[in-house]
Amino acid sequence: MLPGINGFTHDPSTLLEDAFQAVAQKQMRQLPFYRAHIPVRACCFQLFEHQWLGSMLTPWMLSLMVLPGPGQVWPMRIVGEKLALILPCGNVRFTVGEMDGCGQYLAASLMSPLEKQLSVDTMIMLAEQTARMALSLPVVDSTQPENPGRRAFFRMPVGSPEGA
């Protein structure tokens, strides 16, 4: 049997924060894009289709993350491999990552490096809202063209009562 990644029975936020804090202290702190005022924070992790989904904020990046949930066993993958997942918000492209303390995970980079002018409160709010938005259904009007031109937007469909 091939080795796999066992799922987390409980919210992995604390494990993620500890693992990324260790990386921050040992490897990232001296880099020019490191934002020392930004905390390491795992935000809004919740189960979605039996997997943990949330966002990870660090002093150098903001990413959407997925980890295996309770009773799940993921196959071992090559770090750096790309996977596309369909979430309620749409298709999201993830990269396989791995870290001591939390094993393999999927991450979709949303901001790296972080914008210099953003405050701690703004970044935490952005991280929390990102996790929530990933699981939100998109609002789409299927009667409108995908990329309406100015005139097409005001034109009634052929055969509609108003256009007859």
N, C-alpha and C. Protein backbone atom coordinates (compact mmCIF):
# COMPACT_ATOMS: atom_id res chain seq x y z
N MET A 1 0.84 -1.18 0.00
CA MET A 1 0.00 0.00 0.00
C MET A 1 0.89 1.25 0.00
N LEU A 2 0.53 2.22 -0.83
CA LEU A 2 1.31 3.47 -0.91
C LEU A 2 1.09 4.32 0.32
N PRO A 3 2.15 5.03 0.76
CA PRO A 3 1.99 5.92 1.91
C PRO A 3 1.05 7.07 1.56
N GLY A 4 0.36 7.56 2.55
CA GLY A 4 -0.57 8.65 2.31
C GLY A 4 -0.50 9.67 3.43
N ILE A 5 -1.26 10.74 3.25
CA ILE A 5 -1.35 11.81 4.23
C ILE A 5 -2.67 11.64 4.97
N ASN A 6 -2.60 11.32 6.25
CA ASN A 6 -3.81 11.14 7.04
C ASN A 6 -4.46 12.47 7.37
N GLY A 7 -5.77 12.47 7.36
CA GLY A 7 -6.52 13.68 7.63
C GLY A 7 -6.45 14.12 9.08
N PHE A 8 -6.73 15.39 9.28
CA PHE A 8 -6.77 15.98 10.62
C PHE A 8 -8.17 15.80 11.20
N THR A 9 -8.25 15.26 12.40
CA THR A 9 -9.56 15.06 13.02
C THR A 9 -10.12 16.36 13.58
N HIS A 10 -9.23 17.31 13.89
CA HIS A 10 -9.65 18.61 14.44
C HIS A 10 -9.07 19.73 13.58
N ASP A 11 -9.61 20.91 13.74
CA ASP A 11 -9.16 22.11 13.04
C ASP A 11 -7.62 22.21 13.12
N PRO A 12 -6.94 22.26 11.96
CA PRO A 12 -5.47 22.27 11.96
C PRO A 12 -4.86 23.66 12.16
N SER A 13 -5.65 24.65 12.51
CA SER A 13 -5.15 26.03 12.61
C SER A 13 -3.94 26.18 13.52
N THR A 14 -3.98 25.61 14.71
CA THR A 14 -2.87 25.74 15.65
C THR A 14 -1.60 25.10 15.11
N LEU A 15 -1.75 23.93 14.51
CA LEU A 15 -0.57 23.26 13.91
C LEU A 15 0.02 24.10 12.79
N LEU A 16 -0.84 24.65 11.95
CA LEU A 16 -0.36 25.49 10.85
C LEU A 16 0.35 26.74 11.38
N GLU A 17 -0.25 27.39 12.36
CA GLU A 17 0.37 28.59 12.92
C GLU A 17 1.73 28.28 13.52
N ASP A 18 1.83 27.17 14.25
CA ASP A 18 3.12 26.79 14.85
C ASP A 18 4.16 26.49 13.77
N ALA A 19 3.77 25.75 12.73
CA ALA A 19 4.70 25.38 11.65
C ALA A 19 5.16 26.62 10.88
N PHE A 20 4.23 27.51 10.53
CA PHE A 20 4.61 28.71 9.77
C PHE A 20 5.37 29.71 10.64
N GLN A 21 5.10 29.73 11.94
CA GLN A 21 5.86 30.60 12.84
C GLN A 21 7.31 30.15 12.91
N ALA A 22 7.52 28.83 12.92
CA ALA A 22 8.89 28.30 12.94
C ALA A 22 9.63 28.69 11.67
N VAL A 23 8.96 28.62 10.53
CA VAL A 23 9.57 29.02 9.26
C VAL A 23 9.88 30.52 9.29
N ALA A 24 8.95 31.30 9.83
CA ALA A 24 9.16 32.75 9.92
C ALA A 24 10.42 33.06 10.71
N GLN A 25 10.59 32.40 11.83
CA GLN A 25 11.74 32.67 12.71
C GLN A 25 13.06 32.19 12.11
N LYS A 26 13.04 31.02 11.47
CA LYS A 26 14.28 30.41 11.00
C LYS A 26 14.69 30.83 9.59
N GLN A 27 13.71 31.09 8.70
CA GLN A 27 14.06 31.24 7.29
C GLN A 27 13.64 32.56 6.66
N MET A 28 12.58 33.17 7.13
CA MET A 28 12.00 34.29 6.39
C MET A 28 12.33 35.66 6.96
N ARG A 29 12.60 35.73 8.22
CA ARG A 29 12.71 37.01 8.94
C ARG A 29 13.67 38.02 8.30
N GLN A 30 14.77 37.56 7.71
CA GLN A 30 15.76 38.48 7.15
C GLN A 30 15.48 38.88 5.70
N LEU A 31 14.46 38.33 5.09
CA LEU A 31 14.18 38.63 3.69
C LEU A 31 13.55 40.01 3.54
N PRO A 32 13.83 40.71 2.45
CA PRO A 32 13.37 42.10 2.29
C PRO A 32 11.85 42.26 2.20
N PHE A 33 11.14 41.23 1.81
CA PHE A 33 9.68 41.34 1.69
C PHE A 33 8.94 40.88 2.94
N TYR A 34 9.66 40.53 4.00
CA TYR A 34 9.08 40.11 5.27
C TYR A 34 8.45 41.32 5.96
N ARG A 35 7.19 41.22 6.34
CA ARG A 35 6.46 42.31 7.01
C ARG A 35 6.30 41.94 8.49
N ALA A 36 7.24 42.36 9.31
CA ALA A 36 7.31 41.95 10.71
C ALA A 36 6.04 42.29 11.50
N HIS A 37 5.29 43.30 11.10
CA HIS A 37 4.09 43.69 11.84
C HIS A 37 2.88 42.79 11.55
N ILE A 38 2.98 41.92 10.55
CA ILE A 38 1.88 41.03 10.20
C ILE A 38 2.04 39.71 10.97
N PRO A 39 1.01 39.24 11.65
CA PRO A 39 1.12 37.99 12.42
C PRO A 39 0.98 36.76 11.53
N VAL A 40 1.39 35.62 12.06
CA VAL A 40 1.10 34.33 11.44
C VAL A 40 -0.27 33.93 11.96
N ARG A 41 -1.20 33.75 11.03
CA ARG A 41 -2.59 33.48 11.45
C ARG A 41 -3.27 32.53 10.47
N ALA A 42 -3.81 31.43 10.99
CA ALA A 42 -4.66 30.53 10.21
C ALA A 42 -6.09 31.01 10.42
N CYS A 43 -6.78 31.33 9.34
CA CYS A 43 -8.10 31.98 9.44
C CYS A 43 -9.23 31.13 8.90
N CYS A 44 -10.25 31.00 9.72
CA CYS A 44 -11.56 30.47 9.32
C CYS A 44 -11.50 29.07 8.72
N PHE A 45 -10.65 28.20 9.24
CA PHE A 45 -10.62 26.84 8.72
C PHE A 45 -11.90 26.12 9.11
N GLN A 46 -12.52 25.49 8.11
CA GLN A 46 -13.74 24.73 8.32
C GLN A 46 -13.76 23.56 7.35
N LEU A 47 -14.60 22.58 7.67
CA LEU A 47 -14.71 21.42 6.79
C LEU A 47 -15.56 21.78 5.59
N PHE A 48 -15.06 21.41 4.41
CA PHE A 48 -15.79 21.54 3.16
C PHE A 48 -15.55 20.26 2.38
N GLU A 49 -16.61 19.51 2.10
CA GLU A 49 -16.51 18.22 1.43
C GLU A 49 -15.44 17.34 2.07
N HIS A 50 -15.46 17.30 3.40
CA HIS A 50 -14.59 16.45 4.22
C HIS A 50 -13.12 16.86 4.22
N GLN A 51 -12.81 18.07 3.74
CA GLN A 51 -11.44 18.59 3.76
C GLN A 51 -11.46 19.91 4.54
N TRP A 52 -10.32 20.24 5.17
CA TRP A 52 -10.19 21.51 5.87
C TRP A 52 -9.83 22.59 4.86
N LEU A 53 -10.57 23.69 4.86
CA LEU A 53 -10.30 24.79 3.96
C LEU A 53 -10.28 26.09 4.76
N GLY A 54 -9.28 26.92 4.53
CA GLY A 54 -9.18 28.21 5.19
C GLY A 54 -8.08 29.02 4.53
N SER A 55 -7.70 30.12 5.15
CA SER A 55 -6.62 30.92 4.58
C SER A 55 -5.49 31.03 5.60
N MET A 56 -4.30 31.19 5.07
CA MET A 56 -3.09 31.30 5.89
C MET A 56 -2.44 32.64 5.62
N LEU A 57 -2.32 33.44 6.67
CA LEU A 57 -1.67 34.74 6.60
C LEU A 57 -0.33 34.63 7.33
N THR A 58 0.72 35.09 6.67
CA THR A 58 2.05 35.14 7.27
C THR A 58 2.65 36.50 6.94
N PRO A 59 3.78 36.86 7.53
CA PRO A 59 4.42 38.14 7.21
C PRO A 59 4.94 38.23 5.77
N TRP A 60 4.81 37.18 4.97
CA TRP A 60 5.29 37.22 3.59
C TRP A 60 4.24 36.82 2.55
N MET A 61 3.07 36.28 3.00
CA MET A 61 2.10 35.85 2.00
C MET A 61 0.72 35.64 2.60
N LEU A 62 -0.27 35.58 1.70
CA LEU A 62 -1.64 35.19 2.03
C LEU A 62 -2.02 34.11 1.03
N SER A 63 -2.45 32.94 1.54
CA SER A 63 -2.82 31.83 0.68
C SER A 63 -4.10 31.18 1.15
N LEU A 64 -4.86 30.66 0.20
CA LEU A 64 -5.99 29.79 0.49
C LEU A 64 -5.41 28.40 0.62
N MET A 65 -5.83 27.64 1.64
CA MET A 65 -5.23 26.32 1.88
C MET A 65 -6.29 25.25 2.06
N VAL A 66 -5.92 24.04 1.67
CA VAL A 66 -6.76 22.86 1.86
C VAL A 66 -5.89 21.77 2.46
N LEU A 67 -6.41 21.12 3.50
CA LEU A 67 -5.74 19.99 4.14
C LEU A 67 -6.76 18.86 4.29
N PRO A 68 -6.28 17.62 4.37
CA PRO A 68 -7.21 16.50 4.48
C PRO A 68 -7.99 16.55 5.80
N GLY A 69 -9.25 16.17 5.72
CA GLY A 69 -10.12 16.20 6.89
C GLY A 69 -10.20 14.85 7.59
N PRO A 70 -11.07 14.75 8.59
CA PRO A 70 -11.21 13.52 9.37
C PRO A 70 -11.53 12.32 8.47
N GLY A 71 -10.79 11.23 8.67
CA GLY A 71 -11.02 10.01 7.92
C GLY A 71 -10.50 10.03 6.49
N GLN A 72 -9.91 11.13 6.05
CA GLN A 72 -9.39 11.24 4.69
C GLN A 72 -7.93 10.78 4.65
N VAL A 73 -7.54 10.17 3.55
CA VAL A 73 -6.14 9.81 3.31
C VAL A 73 -5.81 10.29 1.91
N TRP A 74 -4.95 11.29 1.84
CA TRP A 74 -4.50 11.82 0.55
C TRP A 74 -3.30 11.02 0.07
N PRO A 75 -3.20 10.81 -1.24
CA PRO A 75 -1.97 10.19 -1.75
C PRO A 75 -0.81 11.18 -1.62
N MET A 76 0.39 10.63 -1.42
CA MET A 76 1.58 11.49 -1.42
C MET A 76 1.74 12.07 -2.81
N ARG A 77 2.03 13.35 -2.87
CA ARG A 77 2.22 14.03 -4.15
C ARG A 77 3.59 14.69 -4.16
N ILE A 78 3.99 15.09 -5.34
CA ILE A 78 5.26 15.80 -5.50
C ILE A 78 5.04 17.26 -5.10
N VAL A 79 5.88 17.76 -4.20
CA VAL A 79 5.79 19.16 -3.80
C VAL A 79 6.00 20.02 -5.04
N GLY A 80 5.11 20.98 -5.23
CA GLY A 80 5.15 21.84 -6.41
C GLY A 80 4.15 21.43 -7.48
N GLU A 81 3.60 20.23 -7.36
CA GLU A 81 2.60 19.76 -8.32
C GLU A 81 1.37 20.67 -8.25
N LYS A 82 0.73 20.90 -9.38
CA LYS A 82 -0.45 21.78 -9.47
C LYS A 82 -1.71 20.94 -9.56
N LEU A 83 -2.75 21.38 -8.85
CA LEU A 83 -4.06 20.74 -8.89
C LEU A 83 -5.13 21.82 -8.97
N ALA A 84 -6.14 21.59 -9.77
CA ALA A 84 -7.26 22.52 -9.84
C ALA A 84 -8.43 21.91 -9.08
N LEU A 85 -9.02 22.67 -8.20
CA LEU A 85 -10.19 22.22 -7.45
C LEU A 85 -11.37 23.12 -7.78
N ILE A 86 -12.53 22.53 -7.82
CA ILE A 86 -13.74 23.31 -8.04
C ILE A 86 -14.33 23.62 -6.67
N LEU A 87 -14.34 24.89 -6.33
CA LEU A 87 -14.94 25.37 -5.08
C LEU A 87 -16.21 26.13 -5.44
N PRO A 88 -17.06 26.41 -4.47
CA PRO A 88 -18.26 27.19 -4.78
C PRO A 88 -17.96 28.51 -5.50
N CYS A 89 -16.83 29.13 -5.19
CA CYS A 89 -16.48 30.40 -5.83
C CYS A 89 -15.99 30.22 -7.27
N GLY A 90 -15.66 28.99 -7.67
CA GLY A 90 -15.15 28.72 -9.00
C GLY A 90 -13.93 27.81 -8.94
N ASN A 91 -13.24 27.67 -10.06
CA ASN A 91 -12.04 26.84 -10.12
C ASN A 91 -10.86 27.58 -9.50
N VAL A 92 -10.13 26.87 -8.66
CA VAL A 92 -8.96 27.46 -8.01
C VAL A 92 -7.79 26.52 -8.23
N ARG A 93 -6.66 27.09 -8.64
CA ARG A 93 -5.45 26.29 -8.88
C ARG A 93 -4.58 26.30 -7.62
N PHE A 94 -4.30 25.11 -7.13
CA PHE A 94 -3.51 24.94 -5.92
C PHE A 94 -2.17 24.30 -6.26
N THR A 95 -1.20 24.52 -5.36
CA THR A 95 0.12 23.91 -5.47
C THR A 95 0.34 23.06 -4.22
N VAL A 96 0.88 21.87 -4.40
CA VAL A 96 1.19 20.99 -3.28
C VAL A 96 2.37 21.58 -2.52
N GLY A 97 2.21 21.70 -1.22
CA GLY A 97 3.27 22.15 -0.33
C GLY A 97 3.46 21.14 0.78
N GLU A 98 4.52 21.29 1.52
CA GLU A 98 4.77 20.38 2.64
C GLU A 98 5.54 21.13 3.71
N MET A 99 5.18 20.84 4.96
CA MET A 99 5.83 21.53 6.06
C MET A 99 5.90 20.60 7.27
N ASP A 100 7.03 20.64 7.96
CA ASP A 100 7.15 19.88 9.20
C ASP A 100 6.04 20.31 10.15
N GLY A 101 5.41 19.35 10.75
CA GLY A 101 4.36 19.65 11.72
C GLY A 101 2.96 19.58 11.15
N CYS A 102 2.83 19.69 9.82
CA CYS A 102 1.48 19.60 9.24
C CYS A 102 1.45 18.77 7.97
N GLY A 103 2.56 18.26 7.51
CA GLY A 103 2.58 17.40 6.34
C GLY A 103 2.28 18.14 5.05
N GLN A 104 1.70 17.43 4.09
CA GLN A 104 1.38 18.04 2.80
C GLN A 104 0.04 18.77 2.87
N TYR A 105 -0.05 19.80 2.06
CA TYR A 105 -1.26 20.62 1.97
C TYR A 105 -1.34 21.18 0.56
N LEU A 106 -2.46 21.77 0.23
CA LEU A 106 -2.64 22.47 -1.04
C LEU A 106 -2.73 23.95 -0.72
N ALA A 107 -2.05 24.79 -1.48
CA ALA A 107 -2.07 26.24 -1.26
C ALA A 107 -2.25 26.97 -2.59
N ALA A 108 -3.12 27.96 -2.56
CA ALA A 108 -3.30 28.86 -3.70
C ALA A 108 -2.86 30.24 -3.24
N SER A 109 -1.77 30.72 -3.79
CA SER A 109 -1.23 32.01 -3.40
C SER A 109 -2.17 33.14 -3.85
N LEU A 110 -2.52 33.99 -2.91
CA LEU A 110 -3.41 35.12 -3.20
C LEU A 110 -2.66 36.45 -3.20
N MET A 111 -1.61 36.53 -2.38
CA MET A 111 -0.81 37.75 -2.32
C MET A 111 0.58 37.38 -1.79
N SER A 112 1.56 37.55 -2.62
CA SER A 112 2.93 37.26 -2.21
C SER A 112 3.88 38.03 -3.13
N PRO A 113 4.62 38.95 -2.57
CA PRO A 113 4.65 39.37 -1.17
C PRO A 113 3.44 40.23 -0.84
N LEU A 114 3.30 40.51 0.45
CA LEU A 114 2.20 41.35 0.92
C LEU A 114 2.45 42.81 0.55
N GLU A 115 1.37 43.50 0.29
CA GLU A 115 1.46 44.94 0.00
C GLU A 115 1.96 45.67 1.24
N LYS A 116 2.92 46.56 1.07
CA LYS A 116 3.54 47.27 2.20
C LYS A 116 2.55 48.15 2.96
N GLN A 117 1.63 48.79 2.26
CA GLN A 117 0.76 49.78 2.89
C GLN A 117 -0.41 49.17 3.66
N LEU A 118 -0.62 47.87 3.60
CA LEU A 118 -1.77 47.26 4.28
C LEU A 118 -1.50 47.06 5.76
N SER A 119 -2.46 47.43 6.57
CA SER A 119 -2.33 47.32 8.03
C SER A 119 -2.60 45.90 8.49
N VAL A 120 -2.28 45.63 9.75
CA VAL A 120 -2.54 44.33 10.36
C VAL A 120 -4.04 44.02 10.29
N ASP A 121 -4.86 44.98 10.73
CA ASP A 121 -6.31 44.76 10.74
C ASP A 121 -6.85 44.48 9.34
N THR A 122 -6.35 45.20 8.36
CA THR A 122 -6.79 44.99 6.97
C THR A 122 -6.39 43.61 6.49
N MET A 123 -5.17 43.18 6.78
CA MET A 123 -4.71 41.87 6.33
C MET A 123 -5.48 40.74 7.00
N ILE A 124 -5.76 40.86 8.28
CA ILE A 124 -6.53 39.83 8.98
C ILE A 124 -7.95 39.77 8.41
N MET A 125 -8.56 40.93 8.19
CA MET A 125 -9.89 40.98 7.61
C MET A 125 -9.89 40.34 6.21
N LEU A 126 -8.87 40.66 5.41
CA LEU A 126 -8.75 40.10 4.07
C LEU A 126 -8.61 38.57 4.13
N ALA A 127 -7.80 38.08 5.04
CA ALA A 127 -7.61 36.63 5.20
C ALA A 127 -8.91 35.95 5.60
N GLU A 128 -9.63 36.53 6.53
CA GLU A 128 -10.91 35.95 6.97
C GLU A 128 -11.94 35.98 5.86
N GLN A 129 -12.05 37.10 5.16
CA GLN A 129 -13.02 37.22 4.08
C GLN A 129 -12.69 36.30 2.91
N THR A 130 -11.41 36.11 2.65
CA THR A 130 -10.98 35.22 1.57
C THR A 130 -11.48 33.80 1.82
N ALA A 131 -11.31 33.32 3.04
CA ALA A 131 -11.75 31.97 3.37
C ALA A 131 -13.26 31.85 3.21
N ARG A 132 -13.99 32.85 3.64
CA ARG A 132 -15.45 32.82 3.52
C ARG A 132 -15.89 32.90 2.05
N MET A 133 -15.23 33.76 1.29
CA MET A 133 -15.60 33.95 -0.11
C MET A 133 -15.33 32.70 -0.95
N ALA A 134 -14.31 31.94 -0.60
CA ALA A 134 -13.99 30.73 -1.35
C ALA A 134 -15.15 29.73 -1.31
N LEU A 135 -15.92 29.78 -0.24
CA LEU A 135 -17.04 28.86 -0.09
C LEU A 135 -18.38 29.51 -0.41
N SER A 136 -18.35 30.70 -0.98
CA SER A 136 -19.57 31.40 -1.35
C SER A 136 -19.90 31.12 -2.81
N LEU A 137 -21.16 30.99 -3.07
CA LEU A 137 -21.60 30.80 -4.46
C LEU A 137 -21.46 32.10 -5.21
N PRO A 138 -20.96 32.04 -6.44
CA PRO A 138 -20.84 33.27 -7.22
C PRO A 138 -22.23 33.76 -7.64
N VAL A 139 -22.36 35.05 -7.76
CA VAL A 139 -23.61 35.63 -8.23
C VAL A 139 -23.45 35.86 -9.72
N VAL A 140 -24.21 35.10 -10.50
CA VAL A 140 -24.12 35.17 -11.95
C VAL A 140 -25.53 35.26 -12.51
N ASP A 141 -25.74 36.14 -13.44
CA ASP A 141 -27.01 36.24 -14.16
C ASP A 141 -26.82 35.52 -15.48
N SER A 142 -27.39 34.34 -15.58
CA SER A 142 -27.19 33.52 -16.78
C SER A 142 -27.85 34.10 -18.01
N THR A 143 -28.68 35.13 -17.86
CA THR A 143 -29.33 35.73 -19.04
C THR A 143 -28.45 36.79 -19.68
N GLN A 144 -27.36 37.19 -19.03
CA GLN A 144 -26.46 38.20 -19.58
C GLN A 144 -25.29 37.55 -20.28
N PRO A 145 -24.79 38.13 -21.35
CA PRO A 145 -23.59 37.58 -21.99
C PRO A 145 -22.41 37.64 -21.03
N GLU A 146 -21.43 36.74 -21.22
CA GLU A 146 -20.27 36.70 -20.33
C GLU A 146 -19.51 38.00 -20.32
N ASN A 147 -19.31 38.61 -21.47
CA ASN A 147 -18.56 39.85 -21.55
C ASN A 147 -19.38 40.82 -22.40
N PRO A 148 -20.43 41.37 -21.81
CA PRO A 148 -21.32 42.17 -22.64
C PRO A 148 -20.68 43.46 -23.11
N GLY A 149 -20.89 43.75 -24.39
CA GLY A 149 -20.49 45.06 -24.89
C GLY A 149 -21.54 46.06 -24.41
N ARG A 150 -21.25 47.31 -24.53
CA ARG A 150 -22.17 48.33 -24.04
C ARG A 150 -23.54 48.21 -24.68
N ARG A 151 -23.58 47.99 -25.97
CA ARG A 151 -24.87 47.88 -26.66
C ARG A 151 -25.56 46.56 -26.33
N ALA A 152 -24.82 45.47 -26.24
CA ALA A 152 -25.42 44.17 -25.97
C ALA A 152 -26.09 44.15 -24.60
N PHE A 153 -25.57 44.93 -23.68
CA PHE A 153 -26.12 44.97 -22.34
C PHE A 153 -27.56 45.48 -22.35
N PHE A 154 -27.87 46.43 -23.22
CA PHE A 154 -29.20 47.04 -23.25
C PHE A 154 -30.15 46.38 -24.25
N ARG A 155 -29.65 45.50 -25.08
CA ARG A 155 -30.47 44.84 -26.09
C ARG A 155 -31.27 43.72 -25.47
N MET A 156 -32.52 43.58 -25.83
CA MET A 156 -33.36 42.49 -25.35
C MET A 156 -33.09 41.26 -26.21
N PRO A 157 -33.18 40.06 -25.63
CA PRO A 157 -33.00 38.85 -26.43
C PRO A 157 -34.07 38.75 -27.51
N VAL A 158 -33.72 38.19 -28.64
CA VAL A 158 -34.65 38.01 -29.76
C VAL A 158 -35.77 37.09 -29.30
N GLY A 159 -37.01 37.49 -29.63
CA GLY A 159 -38.16 36.66 -29.29
C GLY A 159 -38.73 36.94 -27.92
N SER A 160 -38.13 37.84 -27.15
CA SER A 160 -38.67 38.16 -25.84
C SER A 160 -39.89 39.05 -26.02
N PRO A 161 -40.84 39.03 -25.09
CA PRO A 161 -42.05 39.82 -25.22
C PRO A 161 -41.76 41.32 -25.36
N GLU A 162 -40.75 41.82 -24.62
CA GLU A 162 -40.44 43.24 -24.70
C GLU A 162 -39.83 43.61 -26.03
N GLY A 163 -39.11 42.69 -26.68
CA GLY A 163 -38.43 42.97 -27.93
C GLY A 163 -39.29 42.67 -29.14
N ALA A 164 -40.49 42.14 -28.93
CA ALA A 164 -41.35 41.75 -30.05
C ALA A 164 -42.11 42.93 -30.61
